[in-house]
Amino acid sequence: MAHRKEVSTIFFRATLGLLALVTLILLIAPTAVVMIVSFTDSYSLKFPPKAYSVRWYVELWDASQLHFAAINSIKVGLATTLLSVVLGVCASLAITRSRSALARAFDSLFMSPLVLPALAFGFAALMTFSAVGWSTSITTLIIGHTAVCVPYVIRTTSAALAQMEPALLESSASLGASRFYSFRYVTLPLIRPGIMAGAFIAFMSSFDNVPVSLFLRDARTDMLPIRMWQDLEGRLDVTIAALSGVIIIFTLIMMIVMERVVGLSRRLRQ
């Protein structure tokens, strides 16, 4: 009987490991293909490339339309991150400290943008802004991106607050500290890693957002993901592969930095 259990355990672990390996390959393979193709020397996207060169990375310096779209994406991403952090931290403090049914209802409401289909949310946001007489602009983009990015900050900040000892705030209050003083010097330093992790995810989600940007942008607020999509759809520009390589490298560097600073993977599991 014990031998059968050992065989079953080995078989189960082997199957699970094989499935994990296949999943990992399926996730990494597209990124690896893009990185390899970005170093092609030809004028077309072919895998594997016949010759390798960094010419398309050099071409990025003269791609003015991509520069314009990238600057817009960075501006919207930074503004969205700032608003998401402010709103997300305030919401987390209110939800975590309350045990009422209303707090749970608000928690579900704040998480709803992650459940709704992104295209449906973008279209609904466009209809809402049109109903109140707002034309699409960078303001509507920031509002729409904030709505879908706040949940990330709420989740990571709430996880950090849940791990904080209530006795610390009680001790601070018993020593005569005000609520603001306790938040500034006790709560904020302890939850800062959670806030930073949420801010990083919010920025990357905003920077890479297509569905909401597709509905809420105008000609003056061309966004980088949409510009890349249009260029690939129209003429399969190899420069887009090089730009994708830059974004992949930048994302990996930022993930490594965030992992070292705040333990990003641990925050996401909480």
Protein backbone atom coordinates (compact mmCIF):
# COMPACT_ATOMS: atom_id res chain seq x y z
CA MET A 1 0.00 0.00 0.00
CA ALA A 2 2.79 2.41 0.92
CA HIS A 3 4.58 1.58 -2.34
CA ARG A 4 1.43 2.38 -4.35
CA LYS A 5 1.11 5.73 -2.57
CA GLU A 6 4.72 6.57 -3.41
CA VAL A 7 4.18 5.65 -7.08
CA SER A 8 0.97 7.71 -7.19
CA THR A 9 2.74 10.67 -5.58
CA ILE A 10 5.63 10.47 -8.05
CA PHE A 11 3.23 10.17 -11.00
CA PHE A 12 1.16 13.12 -9.74
CA ARG A 13 4.21 15.34 -9.25
CA ALA A 14 5.61 14.37 -12.66
CA THR A 15 2.30 15.17 -14.37
CA LEU A 16 2.00 18.46 -12.51
CA GLY A 17 5.59 19.37 -13.37
CA LEU A 18 5.02 18.53 -17.04
CA LEU A 19 1.89 20.68 -17.16
CA ALA A 20 3.75 23.54 -15.46
CA LEU A 21 6.60 23.22 -17.98
CA VAL A 22 4.21 23.25 -20.96
CA THR A 23 2.39 26.28 -19.52
CA LEU A 24 5.67 28.08 -18.97
CA ILE A 25 6.78 27.39 -22.54
CA LEU A 26 3.45 28.64 -23.94
CA LEU A 27 3.77 31.84 -21.93
CA ILE A 28 7.42 32.54 -22.71
CA ALA A 29 7.54 31.38 -26.35
CA PRO A 30 5.69 34.39 -27.88
CA THR A 31 7.92 36.81 -26.00
CA ALA A 32 11.04 34.93 -27.07
CA VAL A 33 9.89 34.94 -30.71
CA VAL A 34 9.30 38.71 -30.62
CA MET A 35 12.74 39.31 -29.12
CA ILE A 36 14.44 37.17 -31.78
CA VAL A 37 12.50 38.74 -34.67
CA SER A 38 13.32 42.25 -33.41
CA PHE A 39 16.97 41.64 -34.36
CA THR A 40 16.20 40.72 -37.97
CA ASP A 41 18.11 42.40 -40.77
CA SER A 42 15.28 42.15 -43.33
CA TYR A 43 12.31 44.41 -44.03
CA SER A 44 9.71 41.79 -43.11
CA LEU A 45 8.76 39.85 -40.01
CA LYS A 46 10.07 36.33 -40.47
CA PHE A 47 10.98 33.68 -37.92
CA PRO A 48 13.70 32.68 -37.70
CA PRO A 49 15.48 35.68 -39.29
CA LYS A 50 17.95 35.00 -42.10
CA ALA A 51 20.38 37.58 -40.71
CA TYR A 52 20.63 39.54 -37.48
CA SER A 53 21.13 43.25 -36.92
CA VAL A 54 20.25 46.07 -34.49
CA ARG A 55 19.19 48.36 -37.37
CA TRP A 56 15.55 48.48 -36.29
CA TYR A 57 16.50 49.53 -32.77
CA VAL A 58 18.44 52.39 -34.34
CA GLU A 59 15.40 53.26 -36.47
CA LEU A 60 13.40 53.85 -33.29
CA TRP A 61 15.29 57.13 -32.73
CA ASP A 62 13.66 58.62 -35.85
CA ALA A 63 10.15 57.22 -35.30
CA SER A 64 8.47 60.50 -34.34
CA GLN A 65 4.93 59.11 -34.29
CA LEU A 66 5.96 56.37 -31.89
CA HIS A 67 7.73 58.94 -29.71
CA PHE A 68 4.55 61.05 -29.58
CA ALA A 69 2.41 58.03 -28.66
CA ALA A 70 4.94 56.84 -26.06
CA ILE A 71 5.02 60.26 -24.36
CA ASN A 72 1.21 60.28 -24.21
CA SER A 73 1.16 56.77 -22.72
CA ILE A 74 3.74 57.74 -20.09
CA LYS A 75 1.82 60.91 -19.16
CA VAL A 76 -1.47 59.05 -18.83
CA GLY A 77 0.23 56.20 -16.96
CA LEU A 78 1.86 58.51 -14.40
CA ALA A 79 -1.34 60.50 -13.82
CA THR A 80 -3.34 57.28 -13.55
CA THR A 81 -0.85 55.82 -11.08
CA LEU A 82 -0.96 58.92 -8.87
CA LEU A 83 -4.77 58.97 -8.79
CA SER A 84 -4.95 55.20 -8.28
CA VAL A 85 -2.58 55.36 -5.32
CA VAL A 86 -4.49 58.20 -3.62
CA LEU A 87 -7.93 56.65 -4.18
CA GLY A 88 -6.77 53.08 -3.60
CA VAL A 89 -5.05 53.80 -0.28
CA CYS A 90 -8.07 55.77 1.01
CA ALA A 91 -10.44 52.99 -0.05
CA SER A 92 -8.22 50.31 1.50
CA LEU A 93 -8.08 52.11 4.82
CA ALA A 94 -11.87 52.47 4.91
CA ILE A 95 -12.61 48.90 3.82
CA THR A 96 -10.00 47.19 6.01
CA ARG A 97 -10.99 49.03 9.19
CA SER A 98 -14.71 48.38 8.75
CA ARG A 99 -16.46 45.06 9.24
CA SER A 100 -19.86 46.23 8.00
CA ALA A 101 -21.72 44.76 5.04
CA LEU A 102 -21.51 48.14 3.31
CA ALA A 103 -17.71 47.96 3.32
CA ARG A 104 -17.84 44.50 1.72
CA ALA A 105 -20.27 45.82 -0.90
CA PHE A 106 -17.92 48.69 -1.73
CA ASP A 107 -15.02 46.24 -1.95
CA SER A 108 -16.92 44.22 -4.55
CA LEU A 109 -17.84 47.42 -6.40
CA PHE A 110 -14.21 48.56 -6.58
CA MET A 111 -13.14 45.14 -7.88
CA SER A 112 -15.84 45.03 -10.56
CA PRO A 113 -13.70 46.62 -13.35
CA LEU A 114 -11.47 43.55 -13.19
CA VAL A 115 -14.47 41.24 -13.71
CA LEU A 116 -16.22 43.13 -16.50
CA PRO A 117 -14.99 42.59 -20.08
CA ALA A 118 -12.53 45.37 -20.89
CA LEU A 119 -14.18 46.26 -24.21
CA ALA A 120 -17.59 46.47 -22.55
CA PHE A 121 -16.19 48.74 -19.85
CA GLY A 122 -14.51 51.01 -22.43
CA PHE A 123 -17.72 51.29 -24.47
CA ALA A 124 -19.79 51.97 -21.35
CA ALA A 125 -17.33 54.67 -20.27
CA LEU A 126 -17.61 56.33 -23.69
CA MET A 127 -21.42 56.31 -23.47
CA THR A 128 -21.27 57.78 -19.97
CA PHE A 129 -18.96 60.62 -20.97
CA SER A 130 -21.09 61.32 -24.04
CA ALA A 131 -24.24 61.45 -21.89
CA VAL A 132 -22.72 64.12 -19.61
CA GLY A 133 -21.35 66.08 -22.56
CA TRP A 134 -17.64 65.29 -22.20
CA SER A 135 -15.68 64.83 -25.41
CA THR A 136 -12.85 62.33 -25.51
CA SER A 137 -9.56 63.79 -24.32
CA ILE A 138 -6.59 63.00 -22.12
CA THR A 139 -8.85 63.67 -19.12
CA THR A 140 -11.33 60.96 -20.09
CA LEU A 141 -8.41 58.62 -20.71
CA ILE A 142 -7.01 59.21 -17.24
CA ILE A 143 -10.43 58.74 -15.62
CA GLY A 144 -11.07 55.52 -17.54
CA HIS A 145 -7.62 54.12 -16.81
CA THR A 146 -7.93 55.03 -13.14
CA ALA A 147 -11.19 53.11 -12.85
CA VAL A 148 -9.53 49.91 -14.06
CA CYS A 149 -6.23 50.43 -12.18
CA VAL A 150 -7.50 51.38 -8.71
CA PRO A 151 -8.43 47.74 -7.88
CA TYR A 152 -4.77 46.69 -8.09
CA VAL A 153 -3.73 49.30 -5.54
CA ILE A 154 -6.67 48.40 -3.28
CA ARG A 155 -5.80 44.71 -3.32
CA THR A 156 -2.08 45.05 -2.57
CA THR A 157 -2.61 47.79 0.03
CA SER A 158 -5.40 45.85 1.76
CA ALA A 159 -3.13 42.82 1.94
CA ALA A 160 -0.42 44.95 3.59
CA LEU A 161 -2.93 46.45 6.04
CA ALA A 162 -4.23 42.99 6.97
CA GLN A 163 -0.72 41.98 8.09
CA MET A 164 -0.25 45.03 10.29
CA GLU A 165 -0.66 44.51 14.03
CA PRO A 166 -3.63 46.52 15.42
CA ALA A 167 -1.71 46.90 18.68
CA LEU A 168 0.70 49.29 16.99
CA LEU A 169 -2.06 51.82 16.33
CA GLU A 170 -3.48 51.29 19.80
CA SER A 171 -0.09 51.96 21.34
CA SER A 172 0.35 55.06 19.21
CA ALA A 173 -3.06 56.39 20.26
CA SER A 174 -2.40 55.64 23.94
CA LEU A 175 0.76 57.75 23.73
CA GLY A 176 -1.27 60.73 22.53
CA ALA A 177 -0.62 60.55 18.80
CA SER A 178 -3.31 61.83 16.46
CA ARG A 179 -4.75 59.67 13.68
CA PHE A 180 -2.82 61.57 11.03
CA TYR A 181 0.43 61.25 13.00
CA SER A 182 -0.16 57.50 13.44
CA PHE A 183 -0.87 57.11 9.74
CA ARG A 184 2.20 59.14 8.74
CA TYR A 185 4.73 57.48 11.04
CA VAL A 186 3.22 54.04 11.78
CA THR A 187 0.78 52.87 9.11
CA LEU A 188 2.36 54.38 5.99
CA PRO A 189 5.88 52.99 6.50
CA LEU A 190 4.45 49.51 7.11
CA ILE A 191 2.16 49.45 4.08
CA ARG A 192 4.56 51.27 1.73
CA PRO A 193 5.69 48.02 0.01
CA GLY A 194 2.07 47.15 -0.77
CA ILE A 195 1.42 50.64 -2.14
CA MET A 196 4.54 50.52 -4.31
CA ALA A 197 3.59 47.10 -5.69
CA GLY A 198 0.09 48.33 -6.52
CA ALA A 199 1.47 51.50 -8.11
CA PHE A 200 3.82 49.47 -10.33
CA ILE A 201 1.00 47.18 -11.50
CA ALA A 202 -1.30 50.18 -12.05
CA PHE A 203 1.29 51.96 -14.22
CA MET A 204 2.02 48.89 -16.33
CA SER A 205 -1.70 48.17 -16.72
CA SER A 206 -2.37 51.74 -17.84
CA PHE A 207 0.62 51.85 -20.18
CA ASP A 208 -0.43 48.60 -21.87
CA ASN A 209 -4.19 49.26 -21.91
CA VAL A 210 -5.89 48.96 -25.29
CA PRO A 211 -9.68 48.49 -24.78
CA VAL A 212 -10.27 51.61 -22.67
CA SER A 213 -7.85 53.72 -24.71
CA LEU A 214 -9.52 52.60 -27.92
CA PHE A 215 -12.80 54.24 -26.92
CA LEU A 216 -11.63 57.24 -24.86
CA ARG A 217 -8.73 58.63 -26.90
CA ASP A 218 -8.74 61.23 -29.67
CA ALA A 219 -6.25 62.33 -32.35
CA ARG A 220 -4.29 64.41 -29.84
CA THR A 221 -3.93 61.53 -27.39
CA ASP A 222 -2.62 58.71 -29.56
CA MET A 223 -1.53 55.87 -27.26
CA LEU A 224 1.48 53.64 -27.84
CA PRO A 225 -0.26 50.22 -27.74
CA ILE A 226 -2.86 51.39 -30.26
CA ARG A 227 -0.22 52.96 -32.51
CA MET A 228 1.72 49.67 -32.46
CA TRP A 229 -1.42 47.72 -33.25
CA GLN A 230 -2.32 49.99 -36.18
CA ASP A 231 1.19 49.84 -37.65
CA LEU A 232 1.26 46.05 -37.47
CA GLU A 233 -2.22 45.77 -38.94
CA GLY A 234 -1.45 48.11 -41.84
CA ARG A 235 2.12 47.32 -42.90
CA LEU A 236 3.82 44.87 -40.50
CA ASP A 237 6.47 47.42 -39.56
CA VAL A 238 9.58 45.67 -38.20
CA THR A 239 10.25 48.73 -36.04
CA ILE A 240 7.30 47.63 -33.88
CA ALA A 241 9.14 44.39 -33.10
CA ALA A 242 12.14 46.42 -31.94
CA LEU A 243 9.87 48.63 -29.83
CA SER A 244 8.29 45.51 -28.35
CA GLY A 245 11.78 44.31 -27.45
CA VAL A 246 12.50 47.60 -25.65
CA ILE A 247 9.22 47.33 -23.71
CA ILE A 248 9.94 43.71 -22.77
CA ILE A 249 13.44 44.55 -21.50
CA PHE A 250 12.16 47.60 -19.59
CA THR A 251 9.38 45.53 -18.00
CA LEU A 252 11.80 42.79 -16.94
CA ILE A 253 14.17 45.34 -15.39
CA MET A 254 11.32 47.02 -13.51
CA MET A 255 10.00 43.66 -12.27
CA ILE A 256 13.46 42.72 -10.98
CA VAL A 257 13.80 46.08 -9.23
CA MET A 258 10.33 45.82 -7.67
CA GLU A 259 11.01 42.25 -6.60
CA ARG A 260 14.19 43.35 -4.82
CA VAL A 261 12.59 46.44 -3.28
CA VAL A 262 9.11 45.29 -2.23
CA GLY A 263 8.94 41.56 -2.99
CA LEU A 264 6.46 41.89 -5.87
CA SER A 265 5.71 38.16 -6.25
CA ARG A 266 4.97 37.85 -2.53
CA ARG A 267 2.61 40.84 -2.65
CA LEU A 268 0.72 39.36 -5.59
CA ARG A 269 0.20 36.06 -3.74
CA GLN A 270 -1.31 37.75 -0.68
